[in-house]
Amino acid sequence: MTNETILKKVIMKARKNGWKKEYSVKELLEEVTLTGDADALAMCIIYSHSFAKAFWKKDLIMDVPGSWQYHLQQMVVEKEPLKYIEKFLNIKGHNQKLTKIKL
């Protein structure tokens, strides 16, 4: 799966779990355009505490309060954090149909 596809799917899952952006995506896109670093957008999103809380809201592996913090720590040490988070997309009934979303 490409990083773009992973990002779209994790955003869909987080939104389904109640995530609401706390910043303007338009502002992030402008920043990415200025810096030329598309990965910066993904990192801004997936390392956001509100995003992580929503994404791992229904953590079927670690059903403990604050498990989102553990996963953030794991992403920090991963060489490819989007590949880490991808592992949590297809867990027991969490397969999602990819639809067009606005980043």
N, C-alpha and C. Protein backbone atom coordinates (compact mmCIF):
# COMPACT_ATOMS: atom_id res chain seq x y z
N MET A 1 0.85 -1.17 0.00
CA MET A 1 0.00 0.00 0.00
C MET A 1 0.90 1.24 0.00
N THR A 2 0.55 2.24 -0.79
CA THR A 2 1.35 3.46 -0.83
C THR A 2 1.13 4.28 0.44
N ASN A 3 2.07 5.17 0.75
CA ASN A 3 1.92 6.03 1.92
C ASN A 3 0.68 6.90 1.83
N GLU A 4 0.36 7.36 0.63
CA GLU A 4 -0.84 8.19 0.45
C GLU A 4 -2.11 7.40 0.78
N THR A 5 -2.16 6.16 0.32
CA THR A 5 -3.32 5.30 0.59
C THR A 5 -3.43 5.01 2.09
N ILE A 6 -2.28 4.70 2.70
CA ILE A 6 -2.27 4.45 4.14
C ILE A 6 -2.80 5.66 4.88
N LEU A 7 -2.31 6.84 4.52
CA LEU A 7 -2.73 8.07 5.20
C LEU A 7 -4.23 8.28 5.05
N LYS A 8 -4.76 8.09 3.86
CA LYS A 8 -6.20 8.26 3.65
C LYS A 8 -7.00 7.29 4.50
N LYS A 9 -6.55 6.04 4.56
CA LYS A 9 -7.28 5.04 5.34
C LYS A 9 -7.20 5.31 6.84
N VAL A 10 -6.05 5.73 7.33
CA VAL A 10 -5.96 5.99 8.77
C VAL A 10 -6.77 7.22 9.15
N ILE A 11 -6.84 8.20 8.24
CA ILE A 11 -7.68 9.37 8.49
C ILE A 11 -9.14 8.95 8.54
N MET A 12 -9.55 8.08 7.63
CA MET A 12 -10.94 7.61 7.63
C MET A 12 -11.27 6.91 8.94
N LYS A 13 -10.37 6.07 9.41
CA LYS A 13 -10.61 5.34 10.66
C LYS A 13 -10.69 6.31 11.83
N ALA A 14 -9.79 7.27 11.89
CA ALA A 14 -9.79 8.24 12.99
C ALA A 14 -11.07 9.08 12.96
N ARG A 15 -11.50 9.50 11.77
CA ARG A 15 -12.74 10.27 11.66
C ARG A 15 -13.93 9.44 12.12
N LYS A 16 -13.95 8.17 11.74
CA LYS A 16 -15.03 7.28 12.16
C LYS A 16 -15.08 7.17 13.68
N ASN A 17 -13.91 7.25 14.30
CA ASN A 17 -13.82 7.17 15.77
C ASN A 17 -13.97 8.53 16.45
N GLY A 18 -14.32 9.57 15.67
CA GLY A 18 -14.62 10.87 16.26
C GLY A 18 -13.55 11.94 16.16
N TRP A 19 -12.49 11.70 15.39
CA TRP A 19 -11.42 12.71 15.27
C TRP A 19 -11.91 13.91 14.49
N LYS A 20 -11.65 15.07 15.06
CA LYS A 20 -11.93 16.33 14.37
C LYS A 20 -10.61 17.08 14.29
N LYS A 21 -10.30 17.54 13.09
CA LYS A 21 -9.03 18.25 12.89
C LYS A 21 -8.96 19.46 13.81
N GLU A 22 -7.80 19.68 14.39
CA GLU A 22 -7.63 20.85 15.25
C GLU A 22 -6.86 21.95 14.54
N TYR A 23 -6.59 21.75 13.28
CA TYR A 23 -5.87 22.73 12.49
C TYR A 23 -6.42 22.69 11.08
N SER A 24 -6.12 23.72 10.35
CA SER A 24 -6.60 23.80 8.97
C SER A 24 -5.71 22.96 8.06
N VAL A 25 -6.32 22.03 7.36
CA VAL A 25 -5.56 21.21 6.42
C VAL A 25 -5.00 22.10 5.31
N LYS A 26 -5.75 23.14 4.97
CA LYS A 26 -5.27 24.08 3.95
C LYS A 26 -3.95 24.70 4.39
N GLU A 27 -3.85 25.08 5.67
CA GLU A 27 -2.61 25.64 6.19
C GLU A 27 -1.48 24.62 6.11
N LEU A 28 -1.77 23.37 6.45
CA LEU A 28 -0.74 22.33 6.36
C LEU A 28 -0.28 22.12 4.92
N LEU A 29 -1.24 22.11 3.99
CA LEU A 29 -0.88 21.93 2.59
C LEU A 29 -0.02 23.08 2.09
N GLU A 30 -0.32 24.31 2.54
CA GLU A 30 0.49 25.46 2.16
C GLU A 30 1.90 25.29 2.70
N GLU A 31 2.03 24.80 3.92
CA GLU A 31 3.34 24.57 4.52
C GLU A 31 4.11 23.51 3.73
N VAL A 32 3.42 22.45 3.36
CA VAL A 32 4.06 21.39 2.57
C VAL A 32 4.52 21.94 1.23
N THR A 33 3.69 22.79 0.62
CA THR A 33 4.06 23.39 -0.66
C THR A 33 5.30 24.26 -0.51
N LEU A 34 5.37 25.01 0.57
CA LEU A 34 6.53 25.88 0.81
C LEU A 34 7.80 25.08 1.05
N THR A 35 7.69 24.01 1.81
CA THR A 35 8.87 23.22 2.15
C THR A 35 9.17 22.14 1.13
N GLY A 36 8.15 21.76 0.34
CA GLY A 36 8.32 20.69 -0.64
C GLY A 36 8.36 19.31 0.00
N ASP A 37 7.94 19.22 1.25
CA ASP A 37 8.01 17.94 1.97
C ASP A 37 6.62 17.39 2.22
N ALA A 38 6.15 16.51 1.33
CA ALA A 38 4.81 15.94 1.45
C ALA A 38 4.70 15.05 2.68
N ASP A 39 5.80 14.41 3.08
CA ASP A 39 5.76 13.55 4.26
C ASP A 39 5.51 14.36 5.53
N ALA A 40 5.80 15.64 5.50
CA ALA A 40 5.57 16.49 6.67
C ALA A 40 4.08 16.53 7.02
N LEU A 41 3.23 16.55 6.02
CA LEU A 41 1.79 16.56 6.26
C LEU A 41 1.37 15.29 6.99
N ALA A 42 1.84 14.16 6.51
CA ALA A 42 1.50 12.89 7.15
C ALA A 42 1.99 12.88 8.60
N MET A 43 3.19 13.33 8.82
CA MET A 43 3.75 13.31 10.18
C MET A 43 2.99 14.25 11.11
N CYS A 44 2.60 15.41 10.60
CA CYS A 44 1.81 16.35 11.42
C CYS A 44 0.50 15.71 11.87
N ILE A 45 -0.09 14.96 10.99
CA ILE A 45 -1.37 14.33 11.30
C ILE A 45 -1.19 13.14 12.24
N ILE A 46 -0.35 12.18 11.88
CA ILE A 46 -0.30 10.95 12.67
C ILE A 46 0.33 11.12 14.04
N TYR A 47 1.14 12.17 14.23
CA TYR A 47 1.73 12.40 15.55
C TYR A 47 0.88 13.32 16.44
N SER A 48 -0.24 13.78 15.91
CA SER A 48 -1.15 14.61 16.69
C SER A 48 -1.80 13.75 17.78
N HIS A 49 -1.82 14.27 19.00
CA HIS A 49 -2.43 13.52 20.12
C HIS A 49 -3.90 13.26 19.88
N SER A 50 -4.62 14.25 19.36
CA SER A 50 -6.05 14.05 19.14
C SER A 50 -6.29 12.98 18.07
N PHE A 51 -5.43 12.96 17.05
CA PHE A 51 -5.55 11.94 16.02
C PHE A 51 -5.28 10.56 16.61
N ALA A 52 -4.20 10.43 17.36
CA ALA A 52 -3.83 9.14 17.94
C ALA A 52 -4.91 8.63 18.90
N LYS A 53 -5.47 9.51 19.70
CA LYS A 53 -6.54 9.11 20.62
C LYS A 53 -7.73 8.54 19.85
N ALA A 54 -8.08 9.19 18.74
CA ALA A 54 -9.21 8.71 17.95
C ALA A 54 -8.86 7.43 17.19
N PHE A 55 -7.67 7.40 16.59
CA PHE A 55 -7.30 6.23 15.79
C PHE A 55 -7.26 4.97 16.65
N TRP A 56 -6.69 5.06 17.84
CA TRP A 56 -6.58 3.90 18.72
C TRP A 56 -7.67 3.88 19.79
N LYS A 57 -8.77 4.56 19.53
CA LYS A 57 -9.88 4.59 20.49
C LYS A 57 -10.39 3.19 20.79
N LYS A 58 -10.49 2.38 19.76
CA LYS A 58 -10.97 1.00 19.91
C LYS A 58 -9.81 0.06 19.64
N ASP A 59 -8.80 0.14 20.49
CA ASP A 59 -7.60 -0.68 20.32
C ASP A 59 -7.91 -2.10 20.77
N LEU A 60 -8.03 -2.99 19.80
CA LEU A 60 -8.40 -4.37 20.10
C LEU A 60 -7.21 -5.20 20.59
N ILE A 61 -6.01 -4.68 20.45
CA ILE A 61 -4.83 -5.41 20.90
C ILE A 61 -4.49 -5.05 22.34
N MET A 62 -4.49 -3.76 22.64
CA MET A 62 -4.20 -3.28 23.99
C MET A 62 -5.40 -2.51 24.50
N ASP A 63 -6.32 -3.18 25.08
CA ASP A 63 -7.55 -2.53 25.55
C ASP A 63 -7.32 -1.91 26.93
N VAL A 64 -6.47 -0.89 26.96
CA VAL A 64 -6.17 -0.19 28.21
C VAL A 64 -6.21 1.31 27.95
N PRO A 65 -6.60 2.09 28.95
CA PRO A 65 -6.59 3.54 28.77
C PRO A 65 -5.16 4.02 28.45
N GLY A 66 -5.06 4.93 27.52
CA GLY A 66 -3.76 5.50 27.18
C GLY A 66 -2.94 4.67 26.23
N SER A 67 -3.54 3.65 25.61
CA SER A 67 -2.76 2.82 24.68
C SER A 67 -2.28 3.65 23.49
N TRP A 68 -2.98 4.73 23.17
CA TRP A 68 -2.58 5.60 22.07
C TRP A 68 -1.19 6.17 22.33
N GLN A 69 -0.85 6.42 23.60
CA GLN A 69 0.47 6.96 23.92
C GLN A 69 1.57 5.93 23.62
N TYR A 70 1.28 4.68 23.94
CA TYR A 70 2.22 3.61 23.63
C TYR A 70 2.48 3.56 22.12
N HIS A 71 1.40 3.63 21.34
CA HIS A 71 1.55 3.54 19.89
C HIS A 71 2.31 4.74 19.32
N LEU A 72 2.10 5.92 19.87
CA LEU A 72 2.88 7.08 19.44
C LEU A 72 4.36 6.86 19.69
N GLN A 73 4.69 6.32 20.86
CA GLN A 73 6.09 6.03 21.19
C GLN A 73 6.68 5.03 20.20
N GLN A 74 5.90 4.02 19.85
CA GLN A 74 6.38 3.02 18.90
C GLN A 74 6.62 3.63 17.52
N MET A 75 5.74 4.55 17.10
CA MET A 75 5.91 5.19 15.80
C MET A 75 7.18 6.03 15.76
N VAL A 76 7.51 6.65 16.88
CA VAL A 76 8.71 7.50 16.93
C VAL A 76 9.96 6.68 16.63
N VAL A 77 10.03 5.46 17.12
CA VAL A 77 11.23 4.65 16.93
C VAL A 77 11.21 3.85 15.62
N GLU A 78 10.08 3.82 14.95
CA GLU A 78 9.97 3.11 13.67
C GLU A 78 10.65 3.89 12.55
N LYS A 79 11.29 3.15 11.65
CA LYS A 79 11.89 3.77 10.47
C LYS A 79 10.80 4.33 9.55
N GLU A 80 9.69 3.60 9.44
CA GLU A 80 8.56 4.01 8.60
C GLU A 80 7.28 4.01 9.43
N PRO A 81 6.97 5.13 10.11
CA PRO A 81 5.81 5.18 10.99
C PRO A 81 4.48 4.90 10.30
N LEU A 82 4.35 5.26 9.03
CA LEU A 82 3.09 4.95 8.33
C LEU A 82 2.91 3.45 8.14
N LYS A 83 3.99 2.73 7.98
CA LYS A 83 3.90 1.26 7.86
C LYS A 83 3.51 0.66 9.21
N TYR A 84 3.96 1.27 10.30
CA TYR A 84 3.56 0.81 11.63
C TYR A 84 2.05 0.97 11.81
N ILE A 85 1.55 2.15 11.51
CA ILE A 85 0.13 2.43 11.72
C ILE A 85 -0.74 1.62 10.75
N GLU A 86 -0.19 1.27 9.59
CA GLU A 86 -0.92 0.46 8.61
C GLU A 86 -1.33 -0.88 9.20
N LYS A 87 -0.51 -1.43 10.08
CA LYS A 87 -0.80 -2.74 10.68
C LYS A 87 -2.12 -2.74 11.44
N PHE A 88 -2.61 -1.58 11.84
CA PHE A 88 -3.81 -1.48 12.65
C PHE A 88 -5.06 -1.17 11.83
N LEU A 89 -4.94 -1.21 10.52
CA LEU A 89 -6.09 -0.93 9.67
C LEU A 89 -6.95 -2.16 9.44
N ASN A 90 -6.37 -3.33 9.45
CA ASN A 90 -7.10 -4.54 9.06
C ASN A 90 -7.27 -5.50 10.22
N ILE A 91 -7.57 -4.98 11.37
CA ILE A 91 -7.75 -5.81 12.55
C ILE A 91 -9.23 -6.09 12.76
N LYS A 92 -9.58 -7.35 12.81
CA LYS A 92 -10.92 -7.85 13.14
C LYS A 92 -12.06 -6.87 12.86
N GLY A 93 -12.51 -6.88 11.65
CA GLY A 93 -13.67 -6.07 11.29
C GLY A 93 -13.36 -4.61 11.03
N HIS A 94 -12.09 -4.26 10.95
CA HIS A 94 -11.75 -2.87 10.72
C HIS A 94 -11.34 -2.61 9.28
N ASN A 95 -11.56 -3.57 8.37
CA ASN A 95 -11.32 -3.30 6.96
C ASN A 95 -12.25 -2.19 6.52
N GLN A 96 -11.69 -1.24 5.79
CA GLN A 96 -12.50 -0.11 5.35
C GLN A 96 -12.41 0.02 3.84
N LYS A 97 -13.52 0.36 3.26
CA LYS A 97 -13.55 0.62 1.84
C LYS A 97 -12.97 2.02 1.63
N LEU A 98 -11.99 2.11 0.76
CA LEU A 98 -11.35 3.40 0.52
C LEU A 98 -12.27 4.27 -0.33
N THR A 99 -12.63 5.40 0.22
CA THR A 99 -13.45 6.35 -0.52
C THR A 99 -12.66 7.63 -0.66
N LYS A 100 -13.12 8.49 -1.51
CA LYS A 100 -12.43 9.75 -1.74
C LYS A 100 -12.65 10.66 -0.54
N ILE A 101 -11.55 11.12 0.07
CA ILE A 101 -11.66 12.06 1.18
C ILE A 101 -10.81 13.27 0.88
N LYS A 102 -11.16 14.37 1.47
CA LYS A 102 -10.38 15.58 1.33
C LYS A 102 -9.35 15.64 2.44
N LEU A 103 -8.10 15.77 2.09
CA LEU A 103 -7.06 15.88 3.11
C LEU A 103 -6.95 17.27 3.61
